[in-house]
Amino acid sequence: MSITYKDAGVDIAAGEEMVRRIKPLVRQTFTPGVLADIGSFGGFFELDVDAYTRPVLVSSVDGVGTKLKVAFRSGKHDTVGQDLVNHCVNDIAVCGATPLYFLDYFSTGHLDSGVAEEVIAGFAIACKENGCALIGGETAEMPDLYQKGEYDLAGTIVGVVEKERILNGDRVREGDVLIGLPSTGAHTNGYSLARKVLFSRYEIGDRPEELAGQTVGEALLAVHRSYLAAVQALTESDLASAFVHVTGGGIPGNTARVMPEGLTFQVDWDAWDRPGLFKLIQSIGDVPEDDMRMTFNLGIGLIAVVPKVHEADAVARWKAMGETAVAIGRVMASET
């Protein structure tokens, strides 16, 4: 008896059909630099070098982590793609870069074209919102590697920044202030702990009082927001010394990444009201405060490190955009 590739669990025709279905979504993200349609062996992007003096490419790669488990449990797949793009955009935006293009990797045990299309639609939505092109990706069907109904995601983003405008922390000085912007939930970090705690007591559709009308699933699947516009609002007037994207490691772990030698920082943890999601997790799980601080963003997703002289102007810029900015700390000399 002959055995085909489809018998072994890989349906090439289904994969080709999915590519056909997502082409209109992907094309909507194309910017003037895109030179090839989806389906080529590589993605082509022409950088307008005349627009820069000394352009530097900035790249980042990331995943969504176990937030995907919440998507599987809820059957909602149209947000995790947005999470991934926005996370990657934020990672290069805080370096001063503008995103150019994004590449995705979608892998699963059995290709469900409907689910894949929802995820990739999320990529397209976020790419359009951030002005970057989705120029390529990989869809892998790998039987026996994933549980039924599960998949994994990864993404790579490439952006550009003028060399003299790179933000890497070397401009941070003693006396700078830390100004935070709100997160839209847990973003894409801490989900192993969040799931372990919340699903020990609640179902995906439950509405604990602390979540202010949201279900557990809605609170956990809130889209990881993009801070690109907020970052650019300050960089265009050179108001910030550095930015911090609060991801794994929380505020302490990520703020330390932009502190030059000899400097440290102090955070006023009472400067903002911690969202109910984090209060609920800590209460139910009896999670130690240090664990909370190093695992979650606790309601602050972006921090600008700003010279004291520019604090009022920076806050005013963000307020004019509808942002709620809050001073959460300061930079100071380390004791050692």
Protein backbone atom coordinates (compact mmCIF):
# COMPACT_ATOMS: atom_id res chain seq x y z
CA MET A 1 0.00 0.00 0.00
CA SER A 2 1.39 3.39 -0.96
CA ILE A 3 1.56 6.20 1.59
CA THR A 4 1.30 9.83 0.54
CA TYR A 5 2.55 12.98 2.27
CA LYS A 6 -1.08 13.74 3.10
CA ASP A 7 -1.42 10.30 4.71
CA ALA A 8 1.56 11.24 6.87
CA GLY A 9 -0.29 14.36 8.05
CA VAL A 10 0.90 17.12 5.72
CA ASP A 11 -1.62 18.56 3.25
CA ILE A 12 0.29 20.61 0.66
CA ALA A 13 -2.91 21.58 -1.13
CA ALA A 14 -4.36 23.02 2.08
CA GLY A 15 -1.21 25.06 2.57
CA GLU A 16 -1.39 26.44 -0.95
CA GLU A 17 -5.05 27.32 -0.46
CA MET A 18 -4.23 29.18 2.73
CA VAL A 19 -1.56 31.23 0.93
CA ARG A 20 -4.10 32.11 -1.74
CA ARG A 21 -6.57 33.27 0.89
CA ILE A 22 -4.13 35.45 2.83
CA LYS A 23 -2.59 37.22 -0.19
CA PRO A 24 -5.15 40.08 -0.17
CA LEU A 25 -4.53 40.62 3.56
CA VAL A 26 -0.77 40.70 3.13
CA ARG A 27 -0.85 43.00 0.10
CA GLN A 28 -2.74 45.59 2.12
CA THR A 29 0.39 46.07 4.25
CA PHE A 30 2.77 46.74 1.36
CA THR A 31 4.66 50.02 1.45
CA PRO A 32 6.65 51.67 -1.39
CA GLY A 33 9.81 49.76 -0.49
CA VAL A 34 8.29 46.31 -1.15
CA LEU A 35 9.58 44.84 -4.43
CA ALA A 36 8.11 41.32 -4.55
CA ASP A 37 4.70 39.78 -3.99
CA ILE A 38 4.08 37.05 -1.42
CA GLY A 39 5.30 33.64 -2.59
CA SER A 40 8.88 34.46 -3.59
CA PHE A 41 11.80 32.61 -2.01
CA GLY A 42 12.74 35.80 -0.21
CA GLY A 43 11.19 39.12 0.71
CA PHE A 44 12.62 42.13 -1.12
CA PHE A 45 12.63 45.61 0.39
CA GLU A 46 14.37 48.64 -1.12
CA LEU A 47 15.61 51.09 1.48
CA ASP A 48 15.45 54.73 0.41
CA VAL A 49 19.05 55.51 1.37
CA ASP A 50 18.72 59.08 0.15
CA ALA A 51 16.34 59.74 3.03
CA TYR A 52 19.09 59.03 5.59
CA THR A 53 22.59 60.25 6.33
CA ARG A 54 23.93 57.14 8.10
CA PRO A 55 21.12 54.59 8.25
CA VAL A 56 21.42 51.71 10.71
CA LEU A 57 19.17 48.66 10.46
CA VAL A 58 17.66 47.47 13.74
CA SER A 59 16.10 44.01 14.07
CA SER A 60 14.32 41.96 16.70
CA VAL A 61 12.74 38.51 16.91
CA ASP A 62 10.17 37.33 19.43
CA GLY A 63 7.20 35.10 20.14
CA VAL A 64 3.91 35.32 22.04
CA GLY A 65 4.73 32.69 24.67
CA THR A 66 2.03 30.82 26.53
CA LYS A 67 -0.52 33.55 25.84
CA LEU A 68 -1.25 31.22 22.93
CA LYS A 69 -2.66 28.72 25.43
CA VAL A 70 -5.35 31.27 26.27
CA ALA A 71 -6.16 31.65 22.57
CA PHE A 72 -6.47 27.86 22.23
CA ARG A 73 -8.73 27.66 25.28
CA SER A 74 -10.97 30.52 24.12
CA GLY A 75 -11.03 29.67 20.41
CA LYS A 76 -10.15 33.29 19.64
CA HIS A 77 -7.18 33.67 17.29
CA ASP A 78 -7.49 37.15 15.79
CA THR A 79 -5.49 39.01 18.45
CA VAL A 80 -2.28 37.04 19.01
CA GLY A 81 -0.94 38.06 15.60
CA GLN A 82 -1.36 41.70 16.60
CA ASP A 83 0.40 40.95 19.88
CA LEU A 84 3.42 39.61 18.08
CA VAL A 85 3.80 42.48 15.62
CA ASN A 86 3.29 45.16 18.27
CA HIS A 87 5.74 43.50 20.65
CA CYS A 88 8.42 43.44 17.96
CA VAL A 89 7.66 47.02 16.87
CA ASN A 90 8.02 48.24 20.45
CA ASP A 91 11.35 46.49 20.86
CA ILE A 92 12.93 48.44 18.01
CA ALA A 93 10.95 51.65 18.57
CA VAL A 94 12.58 52.09 21.99
CA CYS A 95 15.93 51.98 20.18
CA GLY A 96 14.79 54.97 18.11
CA ALA A 97 13.97 52.92 15.00
CA THR A 98 11.06 53.11 12.57
CA PRO A 99 9.77 49.68 11.45
CA LEU A 100 10.21 48.75 7.78
CA TYR A 101 9.05 45.17 7.43
CA PHE A 102 7.95 42.07 9.34
CA LEU A 103 8.35 38.32 8.74
CA ASP A 104 6.29 35.66 10.50
CA TYR A 105 6.57 31.97 11.34
CA PHE A 106 3.39 29.94 11.96
CA SER A 107 3.80 26.26 12.85
CA THR A 108 1.17 23.68 13.73
CA GLY A 109 0.52 19.95 13.83
CA HIS A 110 -2.47 20.10 11.51
CA LEU A 111 -3.17 23.16 9.38
CA ASP A 112 -6.59 24.66 10.04
CA SER A 113 -6.86 27.28 7.30
CA GLY A 114 -9.51 29.24 9.20
CA VAL A 115 -7.37 29.56 12.32
CA ALA A 116 -4.25 30.41 10.32
CA GLU A 117 -6.13 33.07 8.38
CA GLU A 118 -7.34 34.67 11.64
CA VAL A 119 -3.80 34.79 13.02
CA ILE A 120 -2.32 36.22 9.83
CA ALA A 121 -5.13 38.76 9.62
CA GLY A 122 -3.88 39.93 13.00
CA PHE A 123 -0.38 40.32 11.58
CA ALA A 124 -1.79 42.39 8.72
CA ILE A 125 -3.87 44.64 10.99
CA ALA A 126 -0.91 45.50 13.21
CA CYS A 127 1.51 45.92 10.31
CA LYS A 128 -0.85 48.44 8.70
CA GLU A 129 -1.29 50.30 11.98
CA ASN A 130 2.48 50.53 12.45
CA GLY A 131 3.25 51.40 8.82
CA CYS A 132 5.41 48.34 8.20
CA ALA A 133 5.07 45.74 5.46
CA LEU A 134 4.41 42.04 5.96
CA ILE A 135 6.77 40.81 3.24
CA GLY A 136 7.08 37.11 3.96
CA GLY A 137 6.59 34.22 6.30
CA GLU A 138 6.65 30.48 6.80
CA THR A 139 3.73 28.16 7.49
CA ALA A 140 4.89 24.77 8.75
CA GLU A 141 2.64 21.73 9.20
CA MET A 142 4.40 19.23 11.47
CA PRO A 143 2.29 16.25 12.59
CA ASP A 144 2.92 14.86 16.09
CA LEU A 145 4.95 17.90 17.20
CA TYR A 146 1.95 19.84 18.57
CA GLN A 147 -1.17 18.91 20.48
CA LYS A 148 -4.40 18.96 18.45
CA GLY A 149 -5.59 22.54 17.89
CA GLU A 150 -2.29 24.11 18.93
CA TYR A 151 0.27 26.19 17.05
CA ASP A 152 3.27 28.41 17.70
CA LEU A 153 4.23 31.85 16.43
CA ALA A 154 7.44 33.79 15.98
CA GLY A 155 8.17 37.03 14.21
CA THR A 156 11.10 39.11 13.03
CA ILE A 157 11.02 42.83 12.44
CA VAL A 158 13.53 45.11 10.72
CA GLY A 159 13.59 48.87 11.10
CA VAL A 160 15.93 51.78 10.48
CA VAL A 161 17.38 54.62 12.54
CA GLU A 162 19.90 57.36 11.91
CA LYS A 163 23.13 56.34 13.61
CA GLU A 164 23.35 59.57 15.59
CA ARG A 165 19.79 59.09 16.89
CA ILE A 166 20.21 55.55 18.24
CA LEU A 167 18.82 55.24 21.77
CA ASN A 168 20.78 52.70 23.81
CA GLY A 169 21.00 54.28 27.26
CA ASP A 170 24.29 56.11 26.85
CA ARG A 171 22.52 59.48 27.18
CA VAL A 172 20.89 58.65 30.53
CA ARG A 173 22.08 60.88 33.37
CA GLU A 174 21.60 61.14 37.11
CA GLY A 175 18.45 63.12 37.85
CA ASP A 176 16.51 61.94 34.81
CA VAL A 177 12.90 61.03 35.57
CA LEU A 178 11.00 57.88 34.64
CA ILE A 179 7.64 58.56 33.00
CA GLY A 180 5.34 55.62 32.38
CA LEU A 181 2.48 54.92 29.98
CA PRO A 182 -0.26 52.39 30.72
CA SER A 183 -0.24 48.85 29.40
CA THR A 184 -3.32 47.16 27.99
CA GLY A 185 -3.01 44.18 30.31
CA ALA A 186 -0.30 41.57 30.69
CA HIS A 187 0.81 42.13 27.06
CA THR A 188 2.84 39.01 26.18
CA ASN A 189 4.66 38.20 29.41
CA GLY A 190 3.94 36.27 32.58
CA TYR A 191 1.27 34.01 31.13
CA SER A 192 2.61 30.79 32.62
CA LEU A 193 2.05 32.26 36.08
CA ALA A 194 -1.20 34.03 35.16
CA ARG A 195 -2.72 30.87 33.69
CA LYS A 196 -1.61 28.68 36.58
CA VAL A 197 -3.23 31.02 39.07
CA LEU A 198 -6.41 32.11 37.28
CA PHE A 199 -7.40 28.80 35.71
CA SER A 200 -7.06 27.06 39.06
CA ARG A 201 -10.22 28.94 40.06
CA TYR A 202 -11.93 30.38 36.97
CA GLU A 203 -13.14 29.30 33.56
CA ILE A 204 -12.34 31.33 30.46
CA GLY A 205 -15.79 32.98 30.43
CA ASP A 206 -16.02 33.85 34.14
CA ARG A 207 -16.25 37.54 35.13
CA PRO A 208 -14.52 38.16 38.46
CA GLU A 209 -15.45 41.48 40.04
CA GLU A 210 -11.82 42.66 39.85
CA LEU A 211 -11.90 42.59 36.04
CA ALA A 212 -14.55 45.31 35.80
CA GLY A 213 -16.94 43.44 33.53
CA GLN A 214 -14.37 41.59 31.43
CA THR A 215 -14.19 37.83 31.25
CA VAL A 216 -10.96 36.12 32.24
CA GLY A 217 -10.34 35.35 28.58
CA GLU A 218 -10.95 38.94 27.48
CA ALA A 219 -8.59 40.31 30.12
CA LEU A 220 -5.82 37.85 29.24
CA LEU A 221 -6.21 38.28 25.47
CA ALA A 222 -6.19 42.10 25.50
CA VAL A 223 -3.93 43.14 22.62
CA HIS A 224 -0.36 44.10 23.45
CA ARG A 225 -0.45 47.73 22.38
CA SER A 226 2.01 49.51 20.10
CA TYR A 227 3.93 52.46 21.57
CA LEU A 228 5.46 53.55 18.27
CA ALA A 229 3.54 56.83 18.00
CA ALA A 230 4.17 57.66 21.66
CA VAL A 231 7.90 57.08 21.28
CA GLN A 232 8.09 59.13 18.09
CA ALA A 233 6.22 62.01 19.71
CA LEU A 234 9.15 62.47 22.09
CA THR A 235 12.05 61.53 19.82
CA GLU A 236 11.06 64.02 17.12
CA SER A 237 11.82 66.81 19.61
CA ASP A 238 14.69 65.00 21.34
CA LEU A 239 12.93 64.97 24.70
CA ALA A 240 13.97 61.51 25.93
CA SER A 241 17.30 60.01 26.96
CA ALA A 242 16.04 56.43 26.55
CA PHE A 243 12.92 54.30 26.46
CA VAL A 244 12.05 51.02 28.15
CA HIS A 245 9.67 48.42 26.70
CA VAL A 246 8.44 46.58 29.80
CA THR A 247 8.48 42.89 28.86
CA GLY A 248 9.85 39.78 30.59
CA GLY A 249 11.68 40.88 33.73
CA GLY A 250 9.14 43.59 34.47
CA ILE A 251 10.01 47.20 35.25
CA PRO A 252 13.17 46.35 37.27
CA GLY A 253 14.70 43.97 34.74
CA ASN A 254 14.02 46.09 31.66
CA THR A 255 14.85 49.52 33.09
CA ALA A 256 18.23 48.17 34.17
CA ARG A 257 19.00 47.53 30.48
CA VAL A 258 19.29 51.26 29.75
CA MET A 259 21.23 52.27 32.86
CA PRO A 260 24.87 53.23 32.18
CA GLU A 261 27.57 52.04 34.57
CA GLY A 262 27.45 53.95 37.83
CA LEU A 263 23.74 54.72 37.63
CA THR A 264 20.67 52.98 38.98
CA PHE A 265 17.01 53.92 39.42
CA GLN A 266 14.28 54.13 41.98
CA VAL A 267 10.64 53.29 41.28
CA ASP A 268 7.68 54.64 43.23
CA TRP A 269 5.42 51.58 43.11
CA ASP A 270 2.53 53.59 44.56
CA ALA A 271 2.59 56.21 41.77
CA TRP A 272 -0.11 54.45 39.74
CA ASP A 273 -3.12 52.28 40.40
CA ARG A 274 -2.31 48.66 39.64
CA PRO A 275 -4.94 47.15 37.27
CA GLY A 276 -7.39 44.64 38.67
CA LEU A 277 -5.96 41.75 36.64
CA PHE A 278 -2.69 41.91 38.55
CA LYS A 279 -4.39 42.42 41.90
CA LEU A 280 -6.49 39.33 41.20
CA ILE A 281 -3.48 37.20 40.25
CA GLN A 282 -1.54 38.24 43.33
CA SER A 283 -4.49 37.73 45.66
CA ILE A 284 -5.57 34.31 44.41
CA GLY A 285 -2.06 32.93 44.01
CA ASP A 286 -0.56 34.61 47.07
CA VAL A 287 2.21 35.64 44.68
CA PRO A 288 5.15 37.39 46.42
CA GLU A 289 5.52 41.07 45.53
CA ASP A 290 9.04 40.56 44.15
CA ASP A 291 7.68 37.87 41.82
CA MET A 292 4.92 40.17 40.63
CA ARG A 293 7.38 42.96 39.88
CA MET A 294 9.78 40.74 37.94
CA THR A 295 7.07 38.83 36.04
CA PHE A 296 4.46 41.39 34.97
CA ASN A 297 4.38 44.97 33.70
CA LEU A 298 1.85 45.74 36.47
CA GLY A 299 0.10 48.32 34.33
CA ILE A 300 3.10 50.20 32.90
CA GLY A 301 4.09 49.06 29.40
CA LEU A 302 6.46 51.84 28.33
CA ILE A 303 8.84 54.06 30.28
CA ALA A 304 10.53 57.17 28.95
CA VAL A 305 13.73 58.22 30.69
CA VAL A 306 13.58 62.00 30.41
CA PRO A 307 15.87 64.81 31.57
CA LYS A 308 14.15 66.69 34.40
CA VAL A 309 14.15 69.88 32.32
CA HIS A 310 12.01 68.16 29.66
CA GLU A 311 9.56 66.40 32.01
CA ALA A 312 6.68 68.87 31.67
CA ASP A 313 7.04 69.06 27.89
CA ALA A 314 7.13 65.26 27.53
CA VAL A 315 4.04 64.81 29.69
CA ALA A 316 2.24 67.54 27.73
CA ARG A 317 3.10 65.88 24.41
CA TRP A 318 1.67 62.58 25.57
CA LYS A 319 -1.38 64.22 27.14
CA ALA A 320 -2.15 65.89 23.79
CA MET A 321 -2.20 62.40 22.25
CA GLY A 322 -4.73 61.22 24.82
CA GLU A 323 -2.14 59.33 26.84
CA THR A 324 -2.15 59.15 30.64
CA ALA A 325 1.48 59.68 31.60
CA VAL A 326 2.67 59.25 35.17
CA ALA A 327 6.04 59.98 36.80
CA ILE A 328 7.06 56.70 38.39
CA GLY A 329 10.67 57.19 39.44
CA ARG A 330 14.09 58.69 38.89
CA VAL A 331 17.66 57.89 37.94
CA MET A 332 20.33 58.17 40.63
CA ALA A 333 23.92 57.26 41.29
CA SER A 334 24.50 53.68 42.35
CA GLU A 335 25.98 53.08 45.78
CA THR A 336 28.88 50.96 44.56
